[in-house]
């Protein structure tokens, strides 16, 4: 089974891109299933179900999506095996820009959009820098020059990635993504595999429900900013 992870900032077009790509796979008779990880709520599961494919949805709630995602990888993988899936696509929420969903030996896709700040590639972190494929969306809304600059920014952050431009509305470019998915490696199990990067780390009093502000209420893994004034800083 091919096990593919897809991540990206909110509203970057992950689901729209995947729906177009899955349609190409289904035309070829490929058995596809989808796992969707989100935080508080999502209707993306219903969108995938309209394609006539099995879908499993998990909501992390009060837990960081990454810390919910990793312990449930085996659950999703075993569920996909029961469904006799040839390709499992796991779409996960990328909210903090420090997310690290890529798995060694499994295809990793990062979806970003041209409407983001031009400095976003430097801010996203492992979700982008460890991906095998970077999909750029919403290119029809910006100029050719802006697309080229944005693409160059992506190449600087992840020079080894395949970069594709896909239109989430029309599906243009999704056939190339489908071709890349078909070339993904196959895995027999997810157990024992490693993440390509460490996850965001924080185990503190606020993780366990603390709401009060102040040093005396802060326990665990706490990182403090250095109280030094930068040049040009004003009131």
Protein backbone atom coordinates (compact mmCIF):
# COMPACT_ATOMS: atom_id res chain seq x y z
CA UNK A 1 0.00 0.00 0.00
CA UNK A 2 1.15 3.53 -0.76
CA UNK A 3 0.80 5.76 2.31
CA UNK A 4 0.81 9.47 1.49
CA UNK A 5 0.73 12.39 3.92
CA UNK A 6 -0.62 15.79 2.86
CA UNK A 7 -0.21 18.91 5.00
CA UNK A 8 -0.36 22.65 4.59
CA UNK A 9 -1.61 25.87 6.16
CA UNK A 10 -5.37 26.32 6.65
CA UNK A 11 -7.34 27.21 3.49
CA UNK A 12 -4.38 26.53 1.21
CA UNK A 13 -6.53 24.20 -0.89
CA UNK A 14 -5.47 20.75 0.33
CA UNK A 15 -8.88 19.10 0.07
CA UNK A 16 -9.73 20.68 -3.30
CA UNK A 17 -6.43 19.54 -4.80
CA UNK A 18 -6.86 16.02 -3.44
CA UNK A 19 -10.42 15.65 -4.71
CA UNK A 20 -9.31 16.40 -8.28
CA UNK A 21 -6.33 14.07 -7.92
CA UNK A 22 -8.38 11.22 -6.46
CA UNK A 23 -10.81 11.45 -9.38
CA UNK A 24 -7.90 10.67 -11.72
CA UNK A 25 -6.91 7.70 -9.55
CA UNK A 26 -10.46 6.35 -9.49
CA UNK A 27 -10.68 6.54 -13.28
CA UNK A 28 -7.72 4.16 -13.38
CA UNK A 29 -9.46 1.76 -11.00
CA UNK A 30 -7.15 2.51 -8.06
CA UNK A 31 -8.59 1.72 -4.63
CA UNK A 32 -8.17 4.93 -2.60
CA UNK A 33 -9.06 5.68 1.01
CA UNK A 34 -8.66 8.95 2.89
CA UNK A 35 -7.88 9.84 6.49
CA UNK A 36 -8.58 13.38 7.66
CA UNK A 37 -7.08 14.90 10.81
CA UNK A 38 -8.44 18.26 11.97
CA UNK A 39 -8.91 20.19 15.20
CA UNK A 40 -12.41 21.25 16.21
CA UNK A 41 -14.56 20.33 13.25
CA UNK A 42 -14.56 19.58 9.52
CA UNK A 43 -16.94 18.71 6.71
CA UNK A 44 -14.13 17.49 4.46
CA UNK A 45 -15.07 13.90 5.22
CA UNK A 46 -18.41 14.44 3.49
CA UNK A 47 -16.64 15.89 0.45
CA UNK A 48 -14.49 12.78 0.13
CA UNK A 49 -17.46 10.48 0.69
CA UNK A 50 -19.15 12.02 -2.35
CA UNK A 51 -16.38 10.42 -4.40
CA UNK A 52 -17.60 7.03 -3.17
CA UNK A 53 -14.47 6.19 -1.20
CA UNK A 54 -13.96 5.14 2.45
CA UNK A 55 -13.09 8.01 4.79
CA UNK A 56 -12.00 8.14 8.42
CA UNK A 57 -12.03 11.45 10.32
CA UNK A 58 -10.25 12.30 13.57
CA UNK A 59 -10.57 15.53 15.57
CA UNK A 60 -7.73 16.42 17.92
CA UNK A 61 -9.80 18.76 20.11
CA UNK A 62 -7.61 20.20 22.85
CA UNK A 63 -4.53 18.33 21.65
CA UNK A 64 -1.96 19.56 19.12
CA UNK A 65 -2.90 17.98 15.74
CA UNK A 66 0.60 16.49 15.36
CA UNK A 67 0.43 14.89 18.79
CA UNK A 68 -2.96 13.45 17.87
CA UNK A 69 -1.85 12.44 14.37
CA UNK A 70 1.19 10.30 15.22
CA UNK A 71 -0.40 8.01 17.86
CA UNK A 72 -3.24 7.35 15.40
CA UNK A 73 -1.09 6.48 12.37
CA UNK A 74 -1.25 2.75 13.14
CA UNK A 75 -5.04 2.95 13.56
CA UNK A 76 -5.47 4.60 10.19
CA UNK A 77 -3.00 2.29 8.47
CA UNK A 78 -4.70 -0.86 9.80
CA UNK A 79 -8.12 0.54 8.86
CA UNK A 80 -6.86 1.17 5.33
CA UNK A 81 -5.56 -2.41 5.08
CA UNK A 82 -8.98 -3.71 6.09
CA UNK A 83 -10.41 -1.64 3.22
CA UNK A 84 -7.87 -3.25 0.82
CA UNK A 85 -6.56 0.19 -0.09
CA UNK A 86 -3.89 0.59 -2.74
CA UNK A 87 -3.32 4.23 -1.83
CA UNK A 88 -4.04 5.81 1.55
CA UNK A 89 -4.03 9.60 1.62
CA UNK A 90 -3.81 11.17 5.05
CA UNK A 91 -4.65 14.88 5.10
CA UNK A 92 -3.65 16.53 8.34
CA UNK A 93 -4.14 20.03 9.74
CA UNK A 94 -1.15 22.33 9.58
CA UNK A 95 -1.88 25.09 12.02
CA UNK A 96 1.25 26.18 13.83
CA UNK A 97 3.64 26.11 10.82
CA UNK A 98 5.96 23.93 12.93
CA UNK A 99 4.02 20.75 12.10
CA UNK A 100 6.13 17.74 11.13
CA UNK A 101 3.94 15.03 9.54
CA UNK A 102 6.39 13.61 6.97
CA UNK A 103 7.32 9.93 7.47
CA UNK A 104 10.51 8.29 6.28
CA UNK A 105 9.79 5.96 3.38
CA UNK A 106 6.33 7.44 2.67
CA UNK A 107 5.50 10.15 0.15
CA UNK A 108 5.03 13.56 1.80
CA UNK A 109 3.17 16.43 0.12
CA UNK A 110 2.98 20.05 1.29
CA UNK A 111 0.28 22.36 -0.10
CA UNK A 112 0.78 26.13 0.02
CA UNK A 113 -0.95 28.97 -1.80
CA UNK A 114 0.26 31.99 -3.76
CA UNK A 115 -1.83 34.36 -1.65
CA UNK A 116 0.32 33.77 1.43
CA UNK A 117 2.91 36.30 2.55
CA UNK A 118 6.05 36.15 0.40
CA UNK A 119 8.06 35.20 3.51
CA UNK A 120 5.80 32.25 4.40
CA UNK A 121 8.21 29.63 2.96
CA UNK A 122 10.79 30.61 5.60
CA UNK A 123 8.15 30.45 8.35
CA UNK A 124 6.50 27.09 7.69
CA UNK A 125 9.25 24.73 8.89
CA UNK A 126 9.40 20.91 8.50
CA UNK A 127 5.93 20.73 6.94
CA UNK A 128 7.49 22.33 3.87
CA UNK A 129 11.23 21.67 4.16
CA UNK A 130 10.89 17.87 4.50
CA UNK A 131 8.22 17.35 1.82
CA UNK A 132 8.86 15.36 -1.36
CA UNK A 133 6.31 17.36 -3.37
CA UNK A 134 5.29 20.99 -2.90
CA UNK A 135 1.94 21.89 -4.47
CA UNK A 136 1.32 25.61 -5.03
CA UNK A 137 -2.30 26.67 -5.44
CA UNK A 138 -4.26 29.83 -6.36
CA UNK A 139 -1.78 30.81 -9.06
CA UNK A 140 -4.61 32.13 -11.21
CA UNK A 141 -5.14 35.04 -8.81
CA UNK A 142 -1.59 36.47 -8.94
CA UNK A 143 0.71 37.62 -11.73
CA UNK A 144 3.28 35.46 -13.50
CA UNK A 145 6.09 37.42 -11.84
CA UNK A 146 4.61 36.79 -8.39
CA UNK A 147 4.27 33.08 -9.15
CA UNK A 148 7.90 32.86 -10.22
CA UNK A 149 9.17 34.68 -7.12
CA UNK A 150 7.05 32.51 -4.83
CA UNK A 151 8.21 29.33 -6.56
CA UNK A 152 11.83 30.43 -6.17
CA UNK A 153 11.25 30.97 -2.46
CA UNK A 154 9.99 27.38 -2.21
CA UNK A 155 13.03 26.05 -4.04
CA UNK A 156 15.32 27.86 -1.62
CA UNK A 157 13.64 26.26 1.39
CA UNK A 158 13.33 22.77 -0.15
CA UNK A 159 15.65 22.45 -3.18
CA UNK A 160 15.05 18.71 -3.54
CA UNK A 161 11.25 18.82 -3.77
CA UNK A 162 9.19 18.42 -6.91
CA UNK A 163 7.16 21.62 -7.26
CA UNK A 164 3.76 21.48 -8.96
CA UNK A 165 1.15 24.16 -9.56
CA UNK A 166 -2.45 22.96 -9.22
CA UNK A 167 -5.68 24.91 -9.60
CA UNK A 168 -8.06 23.78 -6.87
CA UNK A 169 -11.11 25.06 -8.78
CA UNK A 170 -10.49 23.59 -12.24
CA UNK A 171 -8.15 20.76 -11.32
CA UNK A 172 -5.51 21.89 -13.79
CA UNK A 173 -2.20 20.30 -12.81
CA UNK A 174 -3.78 17.52 -10.72
CA UNK A 175 -3.00 14.90 -13.37
CA UNK A 176 0.71 15.50 -12.82
CA UNK A 177 0.18 15.09 -9.08
CA UNK A 178 -1.68 11.83 -9.72
CA UNK A 179 1.31 10.59 -11.73
CA UNK A 180 3.65 11.42 -8.85
CA UNK A 181 1.35 9.61 -6.40
CA UNK A 182 1.52 6.47 -8.53
CA UNK A 183 5.31 6.54 -8.20
CA UNK A 184 5.18 6.65 -4.40
CA UNK A 185 6.89 3.78 -2.56
CA UNK A 186 4.80 0.98 -1.08
CA UNK A 187 4.99 0.06 2.60
CA UNK A 188 3.92 -3.09 4.45
CA UNK A 189 3.54 -1.44 7.83
CA UNK A 190 3.74 1.96 9.48
CA UNK A 191 4.92 0.53 12.80
CA UNK A 192 8.56 1.29 13.54
CA UNK A 193 8.90 3.98 10.89
CA UNK A 194 10.24 7.38 11.87
CA UNK A 195 9.15 10.96 11.37
CA UNK A 196 11.53 12.99 9.24
CA UNK A 197 11.59 15.74 11.87
CA UNK A 198 10.75 16.05 15.54
CA UNK A 199 7.29 17.36 16.41
CA UNK A 200 6.56 20.65 18.20
CA UNK A 201 7.26 20.09 21.88
CA UNK A 202 5.48 21.52 24.90
CA UNK A 203 4.39 19.84 28.10
CA UNK A 204 3.45 22.59 30.50
CA UNK A 205 0.80 23.61 33.00
CA UNK A 206 -1.25 25.24 30.21
CA UNK A 207 -1.34 21.91 28.38
CA UNK A 208 -3.18 20.46 31.36
CA UNK A 209 -5.75 23.22 31.67
CA UNK A 210 -4.08 26.06 33.56
CA UNK A 211 -5.52 29.49 32.63
CA UNK A 212 -3.86 31.82 35.09
CA UNK A 213 -1.05 34.05 33.82
CA UNK A 214 2.15 34.44 35.79
CA UNK A 215 5.49 32.79 36.54
CA UNK A 216 4.19 31.07 39.66
CA UNK A 217 1.58 29.18 37.60
CA UNK A 218 3.97 27.99 34.89
CA UNK A 219 5.39 24.49 35.15
CA UNK A 220 7.00 22.04 32.77
CA UNK A 221 8.60 22.83 29.41
CA UNK A 222 8.58 26.64 29.33
CA UNK A 223 10.52 28.77 26.84
CA UNK A 224 11.04 32.45 27.70
CA UNK A 225 11.80 35.30 25.34
CA UNK A 226 14.99 37.26 26.02
CA UNK A 227 14.01 40.70 27.28
CA UNK A 228 16.41 42.69 25.09
CA UNK A 229 15.41 45.65 22.96
CA UNK A 230 16.06 45.39 19.22
CA UNK A 231 17.53 48.25 17.23
CA UNK A 232 14.94 50.68 16.00
CA UNK A 233 12.39 49.49 18.56
CA UNK A 234 9.89 52.11 19.62
CA UNK A 235 7.04 52.48 22.02
